[in-house]
Amino acid sequence: LHAHAGMDKVYQVVEGEGLFLLESGDLPMKAGDLLVAPEGVPHGVRNTGTGRLLVLLILAPSPTAAHG
């Protein structure tokens, strides 16, 4: 698990299935799901399927804007 200071992280699951790992517990994720890890919340992703897990990640604000 890891966290981001000053940035929220959005996960759009494009393909596959897995777990959205949170300090408070894991959530299943599959293609079509949209998940958010707010600033400072420890999170991660684990592929639990037999194929690839393809996830689009969005950090807001962008790391460049947040850090200079």
PDB file of N, CA and C in Angstrom:
ATOM      1  N   LEU A   1       0.831  -1.183   0.000  1.00  0.00           N
ATOM      2  CA  LEU A   1       0.000   0.000   0.000  1.00  0.00           C
ATOM      3  C   LEU A   1       0.877   1.248   0.000  1.00  0.00           C
ATOM      4  N   HIS A   2       0.364   2.281  -0.636  1.00  0.00           N
ATOM      5  CA  HIS A   2       1.060   3.566  -0.664  1.00  0.00           C
ATOM      6  C   HIS A   2       0.003   4.671  -0.673  1.00  0.00           C
ATOM      7  N   ALA A   3       0.411   5.892  -0.415  1.00  0.00           N
ATOM      8  CA  ALA A   3      -0.517   7.024  -0.405  1.00  0.00           C
ATOM      9  C   ALA A   3       0.135   8.195  -1.130  1.00  0.00           C
ATOM     10  N   HIS A   4      -0.692   9.156  -1.540  1.00  0.00           N
ATOM     11  CA  HIS A   4      -0.205  10.346  -2.233  1.00  0.00           C
ATOM     12  C   HIS A   4      -0.594  11.589  -1.446  1.00  0.00           C
ATOM     13  N   ALA A   5       0.381  12.421  -1.165  1.00  0.00           N
ATOM     14  CA  ALA A   5       0.100  13.691  -0.495  1.00  0.00           C
ATOM     15  C   ALA A   5      -0.297  14.729  -1.537  1.00  0.00           C
ATOM     16  N   GLY A   6      -1.401  15.392  -1.331  1.00  0.00           N
ATOM     17  CA  GLY A   6      -1.817  16.463  -2.222  1.00  0.00           C
ATOM     18  C   GLY A   6      -2.466  16.030  -3.514  1.00  0.00           C
ATOM     19  N   MET A   7      -2.726  14.726  -3.697  1.00  0.00           N
ATOM     20  CA  MET A   7      -3.315  14.232  -4.941  1.00  0.00           C
ATOM     21  C   MET A   7      -4.315  13.122  -4.666  1.00  0.00           C
ATOM     22  N   ASP A   8      -5.449  13.166  -5.342  1.00  0.00           N
ATOM     23  CA  ASP A   8      -6.376  12.049  -5.370  1.00  0.00           C
ATOM     24  C   ASP A   8      -5.975  11.160  -6.541  1.00  0.00           C
ATOM     25  N   LYS A   9      -6.287   9.863  -6.458  1.00  0.00           N
ATOM     26  CA  LYS A   9      -5.969   8.938  -7.543  1.00  0.00           C
ATOM     27  C   LYS A   9      -7.244   8.222  -7.953  1.00  0.00           C
ATOM     28  N   VAL A  10      -7.531   8.244  -9.259  1.00  0.00           N
ATOM     29  CA  VAL A  10      -8.723   7.616  -9.819  1.00  0.00           C
ATOM     30  C   VAL A  10      -8.279   6.431 -10.668  1.00  0.00           C
ATOM     31  N   TYR A  11      -8.944   5.297 -10.471  1.00  0.00           N
ATOM     32  CA  TYR A  11      -8.674   4.076 -11.236  1.00  0.00           C
ATOM     33  C   TYR A  11      -9.878   3.758 -12.108  1.00  0.00           C
ATOM     34  N   GLN A  12      -9.689   3.684 -13.426  1.00  0.00           N
ATOM     35  CA  GLN A  12     -10.721   3.224 -14.346  1.00  0.00           C
ATOM     36  C   GLN A  12     -10.272   1.844 -14.829  1.00  0.00           C
ATOM     37  N   VAL A  13     -11.020   0.801 -14.459  1.00  0.00           N
ATOM     38  CA  VAL A  13     -10.652  -0.560 -14.851  1.00  0.00           C
ATOM     39  C   VAL A  13     -11.120  -0.789 -16.288  1.00  0.00           C
ATOM     40  N   VAL A  14     -10.167  -0.997 -17.173  1.00  0.00           N
ATOM     41  CA  VAL A  14     -10.441  -1.175 -18.597  1.00  0.00           C
ATOM     42  C   VAL A  14     -10.637  -2.651 -18.938  1.00  0.00           C
ATOM     43  N   GLU A  15      -9.827  -3.494 -18.321  1.00  0.00           N
ATOM     44  CA  GLU A  15      -9.855  -4.928 -18.651  1.00  0.00           C
ATOM     45  C   GLU A  15      -9.424  -5.746 -17.444  1.00  0.00           C
ATOM     46  N   GLY A  16     -10.040  -6.901 -17.259  1.00  0.00           N
ATOM     47  CA  GLY A  16      -9.627  -7.827 -16.222  1.00  0.00           C
ATOM     48  C   GLY A  16     -10.372  -7.641 -14.914  1.00  0.00           C
ATOM     49  N   GLU A  17      -9.820  -8.281 -13.885  1.00  0.00           N
ATOM     50  CA  GLU A  17     -10.415  -8.193 -12.555  1.00  0.00           C
ATOM     51  C   GLU A  17      -9.327  -8.278 -11.504  1.00  0.00           C
ATOM     52  N   GLY A  18      -9.616  -7.727 -10.344  1.00  0.00           N
ATOM     53  CA  GLY A  18      -8.629  -7.729  -9.288  1.00  0.00           C
ATOM     54  C   GLY A  18      -9.216  -7.212  -8.000  1.00  0.00           C
ATOM     55  N   LEU A  19      -8.323  -6.773  -7.129  1.00  0.00           N
ATOM     56  CA  LEU A  19      -8.709  -6.202  -5.847  1.00  0.00           C
ATOM     57  C   LEU A  19      -8.167  -4.788  -5.744  1.00  0.00           C
ATOM     58  N   PHE A  20      -9.000  -3.888  -5.254  1.00  0.00           N
ATOM     59  CA  PHE A  20      -8.603  -2.538  -4.902  1.00  0.00           C
ATOM     60  C   PHE A  20      -8.253  -2.610  -3.421  1.00  0.00           C
ATOM     61  N   LEU A  21      -6.984  -2.476  -3.117  1.00  0.00           N
ATOM     62  CA  LEU A  21      -6.494  -2.670  -1.758  1.00  0.00           C
ATOM     63  C   LEU A  21      -6.558  -1.355  -0.988  1.00  0.00           C
ATOM     64  N   LEU A  22      -7.202  -1.397   0.154  1.00  0.00           N
ATOM     65  CA  LEU A  22      -7.301  -0.234   1.026  1.00  0.00           C
ATOM     66  C   LEU A  22      -6.933  -0.660   2.438  1.00  0.00           C
ATOM     67  N   GLU A  23      -6.454   0.272   3.227  1.00  0.00           N
ATOM     68  CA  GLU A  23      -6.095  -0.022   4.602  1.00  0.00           C
ATOM     69  C   GLU A  23      -7.297  -0.573   5.374  1.00  0.00           C
ATOM     70  N   SER A  24      -8.496  -0.111   5.017  1.00  0.00           N
ATOM     71  CA  SER A  24      -9.722  -0.535   5.707  1.00  0.00           C
ATOM     72  C   SER A  24     -10.295  -1.851   5.186  1.00  0.00           C
ATOM     73  N   GLY A  25      -9.754  -2.387   4.085  1.00  0.00           N
ATOM     74  CA  GLY A  25     -10.247  -3.639   3.517  1.00  0.00           C
ATOM     75  C   GLY A  25     -10.177  -3.606   2.001  1.00  0.00           C
ATOM     76  N   ASP A  26     -10.263  -4.759   1.384  1.00  0.00           N
ATOM     77  CA  ASP A  26     -10.142  -4.884  -0.072  1.00  0.00           C
ATOM     78  C   ASP A  26     -11.514  -4.884  -0.731  1.00  0.00           C
ATOM     79  N   LEU A  27     -11.576  -4.289  -1.934  1.00  0.00           N
ATOM     80  CA  LEU A  27     -12.806  -4.264  -2.722  1.00  0.00           C
ATOM     81  C   LEU A  27     -12.557  -4.946  -4.059  1.00  0.00           C
ATOM     82  N   PRO A  28     -13.491  -5.794  -4.516  1.00  0.00           N
ATOM     83  CA  PRO A  28     -13.326  -6.383  -5.845  1.00  0.00           C
ATOM     84  C   PRO A  28     -13.440  -5.299  -6.909  1.00  0.00           C
ATOM     85  N   MET A  29     -12.680  -5.446  -7.985  1.00  0.00           N
ATOM     86  CA  MET A  29     -12.751  -4.518  -9.112  1.00  0.00           C
ATOM     87  C   MET A  29     -12.766  -5.303 -10.411  1.00  0.00           C
ATOM     88  N   LYS A  30     -13.530  -4.793 -11.392  1.00  0.00           N
ATOM     89  CA  LYS A  30     -13.645  -5.461 -12.699  1.00  0.00           C
ATOM     90  C   LYS A  30     -13.807  -4.404 -13.776  1.00  0.00           C
ATOM     91  N   ALA A  31     -13.674  -4.821 -15.029  1.00  0.00           N
ATOM     92  CA  ALA A  31     -13.797  -3.903 -16.159  1.00  0.00           C
ATOM     93  C   ALA A  31     -15.073  -3.083 -16.034  1.00  0.00           C
ATOM     94  N   GLY A  32     -14.933  -1.762 -16.220  1.00  0.00           N
ATOM     95  CA  GLY A  32     -16.057  -0.847 -16.131  1.00  0.00           C
ATOM     96  C   GLY A  32     -16.136  -0.120 -14.802  1.00  0.00           C
ATOM     97  N   ASP A  33     -15.432  -0.604 -13.785  1.00  0.00           N
ATOM     98  CA  ASP A  33     -15.472   0.033 -12.468  1.00  0.00           C
ATOM     99  C   ASP A  33     -14.602   1.286 -12.450  1.00  0.00           C
ATOM    100  N   LEU A  34     -15.032   2.257 -11.647  1.00  0.00           N
ATOM    101  CA  LEU A  34     -14.278   3.476 -11.401  1.00  0.00           C
ATOM    102  C   LEU A  34     -14.106   3.590  -9.883  1.00  0.00           C
ATOM    103  N   LEU A  35     -12.851   3.657  -9.429  1.00  0.00           N
ATOM    104  CA  LEU A  35     -12.563   3.701  -7.997  1.00  0.00           C
ATOM    105  C   LEU A  35     -11.683   4.907  -7.696  1.00  0.00           C
ATOM    106  N   VAL A  36     -11.822   5.440  -6.484  1.00  0.00           N
ATOM    107  CA  VAL A  36     -11.066   6.626  -6.098  1.00  0.00           C
ATOM    108  C   VAL A  36     -10.335   6.382  -4.779  1.00  0.00           C
ATOM    109  N   ALA A  37      -9.060   6.733  -4.757  1.00  0.00           N
ATOM    110  CA  ALA A  37      -8.274   6.756  -3.526  1.00  0.00           C
ATOM    111  C   ALA A  37      -8.020   8.225  -3.199  1.00  0.00           C
ATOM    112  N   PRO A  38      -8.726   8.778  -2.218  1.00  0.00           N
ATOM    113  CA  PRO A  38      -8.528  10.185  -1.865  1.00  0.00           C
ATOM    114  C   PRO A  38      -7.121  10.439  -1.325  1.00  0.00           C
ATOM    115  N   GLU A  39      -6.717  11.686  -1.380  1.00  0.00           N
ATOM    116  CA  GLU A  39      -5.413  12.104  -0.864  1.00  0.00           C
ATOM    117  C   GLU A  39      -5.153  11.521   0.516  1.00  0.00           C
ATOM    118  N   GLY A  40      -3.976  10.918   0.673  1.00  0.00           N
ATOM    119  CA  GLY A  40      -3.552  10.421   1.968  1.00  0.00           C
ATOM    120  C   GLY A  40      -4.073   9.055   2.369  1.00  0.00           C
ATOM    121  N   VAL A  41      -4.980   8.451   1.589  1.00  0.00           N
ATOM    122  CA  VAL A  41      -5.541   7.139   1.917  1.00  0.00           C
ATOM    123  C   VAL A  41      -4.650   6.048   1.307  1.00  0.00           C
ATOM    124  N   PRO A  42      -4.065   5.167   2.132  1.00  0.00           N
ATOM    125  CA  PRO A  42      -3.239   4.083   1.611  1.00  0.00           C
ATOM    126  C   PRO A  42      -4.048   3.164   0.689  1.00  0.00           C
ATOM    127  N   HIS A  43      -3.471   2.831  -0.475  1.00  0.00           N
ATOM    128  CA  HIS A  43      -4.190   2.051  -1.481  1.00  0.00           C
ATOM    129  C   HIS A  43      -3.205   1.265  -2.347  1.00  0.00           C
ATOM    130  N   GLY A  44      -3.752   0.340  -3.119  1.00  0.00           N
ATOM    131  CA  GLY A  44      -2.976  -0.454  -4.061  1.00  0.00           C
ATOM    132  C   GLY A  44      -3.915  -1.284  -4.917  1.00  0.00           C
ATOM    133  N   VAL A  45      -3.358  -2.060  -5.828  1.00  0.00           N
ATOM    134  CA  VAL A  45      -4.131  -2.891  -6.759  1.00  0.00           C
ATOM    135  C   VAL A  45      -3.466  -4.256  -6.859  1.00  0.00           C
ATOM    136  N   ARG A  46      -4.274  -5.305  -6.915  1.00  0.00           N
ATOM    137  CA  ARG A  46      -3.751  -6.662  -7.111  1.00  0.00           C
ATOM    138  C   ARG A  46      -4.571  -7.347  -8.194  1.00  0.00           C
ATOM    139  N   ASN A  47      -3.898  -7.953  -9.163  1.00  0.00           N
ATOM    140  CA  ASN A  47      -4.557  -8.730 -10.214  1.00  0.00           C
ATOM    141  C   ASN A  47      -4.916 -10.099  -9.633  1.00  0.00           C
ATOM    142  N   THR A  48      -6.210 -10.423  -9.611  1.00  0.00           N
ATOM    143  CA  THR A  48      -6.647 -11.728  -9.114  1.00  0.00           C
ATOM    144  C   THR A  48      -7.202 -12.605 -10.230  1.00  0.00           C
ATOM    145  N   GLY A  49      -7.212 -12.091 -11.456  1.00  0.00           N
ATOM    146  CA  GLY A  49      -7.747 -12.853 -12.578  1.00  0.00           C
ATOM    147  C   GLY A  49      -6.688 -13.702 -13.242  1.00  0.00           C
ATOM    148  N   THR A  50      -7.086 -14.408 -14.285  1.00  0.00           N
ATOM    149  CA  THR A  50      -6.153 -15.253 -15.031  1.00  0.00           C
ATOM    150  C   THR A  50      -5.519 -14.507 -16.195  1.00  0.00           C
ATOM    151  N   GLY A  51      -6.093 -13.372 -16.587  1.00  0.00           N
ATOM    152  CA  GLY A  51      -5.553 -12.541 -17.660  1.00  0.00           C
ATOM    153  C   GLY A  51      -4.948 -11.271 -17.101  1.00  0.00           C
ATOM    154  N   ARG A  52      -4.663 -10.337 -17.998  1.00  0.00           N
ATOM    155  CA  ARG A  52      -4.071  -9.084 -17.541  1.00  0.00           C
ATOM    156  C   ARG A  52      -5.128  -8.171 -16.930  1.00  0.00           C
ATOM    157  N   LEU A  53      -4.688  -7.328 -16.038  1.00  0.00           N
ATOM    158  CA  LEU A  53      -5.513  -6.293 -15.437  1.00  0.00           C
ATOM    159  C   LEU A  53      -5.018  -4.971 -16.004  1.00  0.00           C
ATOM    160  N   LEU A  54      -5.865  -4.296 -16.772  1.00  0.00           N
ATOM    161  CA  LEU A  54      -5.500  -3.032 -17.404  1.00  0.00           C
ATOM    162  C   LEU A  54      -6.293  -1.918 -16.728  1.00  0.00           C
ATOM    163  N   VAL A  55      -5.571  -0.980 -16.121  1.00  0.00           N
ATOM    164  CA  VAL A  55      -6.199   0.089 -15.345  1.00  0.00           C
ATOM    165  C   VAL A  55      -5.639   1.430 -15.800  1.00  0.00           C
ATOM    166  N   LEU A  56      -6.530   2.372 -16.097  1.00  0.00           N
ATOM    167  CA  LEU A  56      -6.150   3.745 -16.417  1.00  0.00           C
ATOM    168  C   LEU A  56      -6.104   4.516 -15.108  1.00  0.00           C
ATOM    169  N   LEU A  57      -4.990   5.195 -14.841  1.00  0.00           N
ATOM    170  CA  LEU A  57      -4.822   5.943 -13.596  1.00  0.00           C
ATOM    171  C   LEU A  57      -4.822   7.431 -13.879  1.00  0.00           C
ATOM    172  N   ILE A  58      -5.505   8.171 -13.022  1.00  0.00           N
ATOM    173  CA  ILE A  58      -5.535   9.626 -13.142  1.00  0.00           C
ATOM    174  C   ILE A  58      -5.176  10.200 -11.775  1.00  0.00           C
ATOM    175  N   LEU A  59      -4.163  11.054 -11.737  1.00  0.00           N
ATOM    176  CA  LEU A  59      -3.793  11.767 -10.514  1.00  0.00           C
ATOM    177  C   LEU A  59      -4.248  13.209 -10.645  1.00  0.00           C
ATOM    178  N   ALA A  60      -4.925  13.714  -9.620  1.00  0.00           N
ATOM    179  CA  ALA A  60      -5.429  15.077  -9.670  1.00  0.00           C
ATOM    180  C   ALA A  60      -5.177  15.778  -8.345  1.00  0.00           C
ATOM    181  N   PRO A  61      -4.578  16.941  -8.340  1.00  0.00           N
ATOM    182  CA  PRO A  61      -4.000  17.568  -9.521  1.00  0.00           C
ATOM    183  C   PRO A  61      -2.793  16.772 -10.012  1.00  0.00           C
ATOM    184  N   SER A  62      -2.337  17.093 -11.204  1.00  0.00           N
ATOM    185  CA  SER A  62      -1.236  16.334 -11.779  1.00  0.00           C
ATOM    186  C   SER A  62       0.011  16.461 -10.908  1.00  0.00           C
ATOM    187  N   PRO A  63       0.881  15.444 -10.918  1.00  0.00           N
ATOM    188  CA  PRO A  63       2.098  15.505 -10.109  1.00  0.00           C
ATOM    189  C   PRO A  63       2.940  16.739 -10.439  1.00  0.00           C
ATOM    190  N   THR A  64       2.959  17.168 -11.703  1.00  0.00           N
ATOM    191  CA  THR A  64       3.726  18.350 -12.091  1.00  0.00           C
ATOM    192  C   THR A  64       3.147  19.592 -11.442  1.00  0.00           C
ATOM    193  N   ALA A  65       1.822  19.723 -11.468  1.00  0.00           N
ATOM    194  CA  ALA A  65       1.170  20.893 -10.873  1.00  0.00           C
ATOM    195  C   ALA A  65       1.313  20.893  -9.362  1.00  0.00           C
ATOM    196  N   ALA A  66       1.241  19.711  -8.761  1.00  0.00           N
ATOM    197  CA  ALA A  66       1.291  19.610  -7.306  1.00  0.00           C
ATOM    198  C   ALA A  66       2.684  19.872  -6.746  1.00  0.00           C
ATOM    199  N   HIS A  67       3.706  19.577  -7.554  1.00  0.00           N
ATOM    200  CA  HIS A  67       5.082  19.662  -7.040  1.00  0.00           C
ATOM    201  C   HIS A  67       5.948  20.664  -7.774  1.00  0.00           C
ATOM    202  N   GLY A  68       5.328  21.539  -8.537  1.00  0.00           N
ATOM    203  CA  GLY A  68       6.153  22.610  -9.041  1.00  0.00           C
ATOM    204  C   GLY A  68       6.272  22.773 -10.476  1.00  0.00           C
TER     205      GLY A  68
END
